[in-house]
C-alpha atoms as a PDB file:
ATOM      1  CA  MET A   1      10.524 -14.684 -25.991  1.00  0.00           C
ATOM      2  CA  PRO A   2       6.707 -14.646 -26.040  1.00  0.00           C
ATOM      3  CA  LEU A   3       4.848 -14.001 -29.218  1.00  0.00           C
ATOM      4  CA  HIS A   4       3.095 -10.979 -27.501  1.00  0.00           C
ATOM      5  CA  LEU A   5       5.215  -8.856 -25.287  1.00  0.00           C
ATOM      6  CA  THR A   6       3.847  -8.158 -21.758  1.00  0.00           C
ATOM      7  CA  VAL A   7       4.491  -5.386 -19.182  1.00  0.00           C
ATOM      8  CA  GLY A   8       6.153  -8.157 -17.151  1.00  0.00           C
ATOM      9  CA  HIS A   9       8.436  -9.398 -19.805  1.00  0.00           C
ATOM     10  CA  LEU A  10       9.443  -5.807 -20.871  1.00  0.00           C
ATOM     11  CA  LEU A  11      10.147  -4.915 -17.260  1.00  0.00           C
ATOM     12  CA  ARG A  12      12.335  -8.003 -16.753  1.00  0.00           C
ATOM     13  CA  GLN A  13      14.460  -7.025 -19.840  1.00  0.00           C
ATOM     14  CA  LEU A  14      14.766  -3.448 -18.764  1.00  0.00           C
ATOM     15  CA  GLN A  15      15.404  -3.790 -15.024  1.00  0.00           C
ATOM     16  CA  ASP A  16      19.151  -4.125 -15.108  1.00  0.00           C
ATOM     17  CA  LEU A  17      19.777  -1.366 -17.646  1.00  0.00           C
ATOM     18  CA  ASP A  18      20.948   2.166 -16.749  1.00  0.00           C
ATOM     19  CA  PRO A  19      17.692   4.130 -16.223  1.00  0.00           C
ATOM     20  CA  SER A  20      19.064   7.107 -18.110  1.00  0.00           C
ATOM     21  CA  LEU A  21      19.697   4.937 -21.295  1.00  0.00           C
ATOM     22  CA  PRO A  22      17.496   6.428 -24.182  1.00  0.00           C
ATOM     23  CA  ILE A  23      15.067   3.869 -25.791  1.00  0.00           C
ATOM     24  CA  ARG A  24      14.384   3.740 -29.550  1.00  0.00           C
ATOM     25  CA  LEU A  25      11.965   1.501 -31.528  1.00  0.00           C
ATOM     26  CA  ALA A  26      13.592  -0.465 -34.387  1.00  0.00           C
ATOM     27  CA  ILE A  27      11.084  -0.180 -37.342  1.00  0.00           C
ATOM     28  CA  ASN A  28      10.638  -2.120 -40.628  1.00  0.00           C
ATOM     29  CA  PRO A  29      13.409  -4.637 -41.435  1.00  0.00           C
ATOM     30  CA  ASP A  30      13.256  -3.755 -45.212  1.00  0.00           C
ATOM     31  CA  PHE A  31      13.782  -0.111 -44.610  1.00  0.00           C
ATOM     32  CA  PRO A  32      15.254  -0.036 -41.005  1.00  0.00           C
ATOM     33  CA  PHE A  33      14.818   3.203 -39.142  1.00  0.00           C
ATOM     34  CA  ALA A  34      15.174   4.134 -35.311  1.00  0.00           C
ATOM     35  CA  HIS A  35      11.968   5.857 -33.929  1.00  0.00           C
ATOM     36  CA  TYR A  36      11.541   7.706 -30.785  1.00  0.00           C
ATOM     37  CA  VAL A  37       9.275   6.081 -28.174  1.00  0.00           C
ATOM     38  CA  GLY A  38       6.363   8.461 -26.883  1.00  0.00           C
ATOM     39  CA  THR A  39       6.235   9.212 -23.172  1.00  0.00           C
ATOM     40  CA  GLU A  40       2.565   8.504 -22.648  1.00  0.00           C
ATOM     41  CA  VAL A  41       1.184   4.967 -21.902  1.00  0.00           C
ATOM     42  CA  VAL A  42      -2.506   4.576 -22.556  1.00  0.00           C
ATOM     43  CA  VAL A  43      -4.320   1.464 -21.365  1.00  0.00           C
ATOM     44  CA  ARG A  44      -7.493   0.356 -23.287  1.00  0.00           C
ATOM     45  CA  ASP A  45      -9.345  -2.870 -24.052  1.00  0.00           C
ATOM     46  CA  GLY A  46      -6.858  -4.659 -21.816  1.00  0.00           C
ATOM     47  CA  LYS A  47      -3.646  -3.593 -23.616  1.00  0.00           C
ATOM     48  CA  ALA A  48      -1.004  -0.973 -22.785  1.00  0.00           C
ATOM     49  CA  PHE A  49      -0.288   1.349 -25.840  1.00  0.00           C
ATOM     50  CA  ILE A  50       3.001   3.503 -26.270  1.00  0.00           C
ATOM     51  CA  ALA A  51       3.050   5.745 -29.147  1.00  0.00           C
ATOM     52  CA  GLU A  52       5.918   6.235 -31.637  1.00  0.00           C
ATOM     53  CA  ASP A  53       7.116   9.783 -31.509  1.00  0.00           C
ATOM     54  CA  GLY A  54       9.000  10.552 -34.740  1.00  0.00           C
ATOM     55  CA  GLN A  55      11.809   9.068 -36.688  1.00  0.00           C
ATOM     56  CA  GLU A  56      15.347   9.677 -35.360  1.00  0.00           C
ATOM     57  CA  ASP A  57      17.714   8.250 -38.137  1.00  0.00           C
ATOM     58  CA  TYR A  58      18.587   5.079 -39.928  1.00  0.00           C
ATOM     59  CA  LEU A  59      18.895   2.065 -37.746  1.00  0.00           C
ATOM     60  CA  PRO A  60      22.383   1.247 -36.939  1.00  0.00           C
ATOM     61  CA  THR A  61      23.706  -1.825 -38.996  1.00  0.00           C
ATOM     62  CA  THR A  62      24.750  -3.535 -35.786  1.00  0.00           C
ATOM     63  CA  VAL A  63      21.310  -3.405 -34.457  1.00  0.00           C
ATOM     64  CA  SER A  64      19.888  -4.828 -37.842  1.00  0.00           C
ATOM     65  CA  TYR A  65      22.423  -7.589 -37.498  1.00  0.00           C
ATOM     66  CA  ALA A  66      21.525  -8.172 -33.792  1.00  0.00           C
ATOM     67  CA  LEU A  67      17.786  -8.377 -34.760  1.00  0.00           C
ATOM     68  CA  VAL A  68      18.642 -10.777 -37.639  1.00  0.00           C
ATOM     69  CA  TRP A  69      17.312  -8.364 -40.194  1.00  0.00           C
ATOM     70  CA  ALA A  70      20.424  -8.082 -42.157  1.00  0.00           C
END
């Protein structure tokens, strides 16, 4: 995986997933929570920005293990 995620790399990872599958951000391995992903994409200074849109709940333990956070 590249050090800095690109639009192309993200698209390749998502292309075979069910388009109706919700997406969450896994935040902070020391205090893991799942956060909603904002719906707007803003492009500035040669980068695409997607805002976090609030906290959903604790990150499932299985996800922490898959991310090698636990």
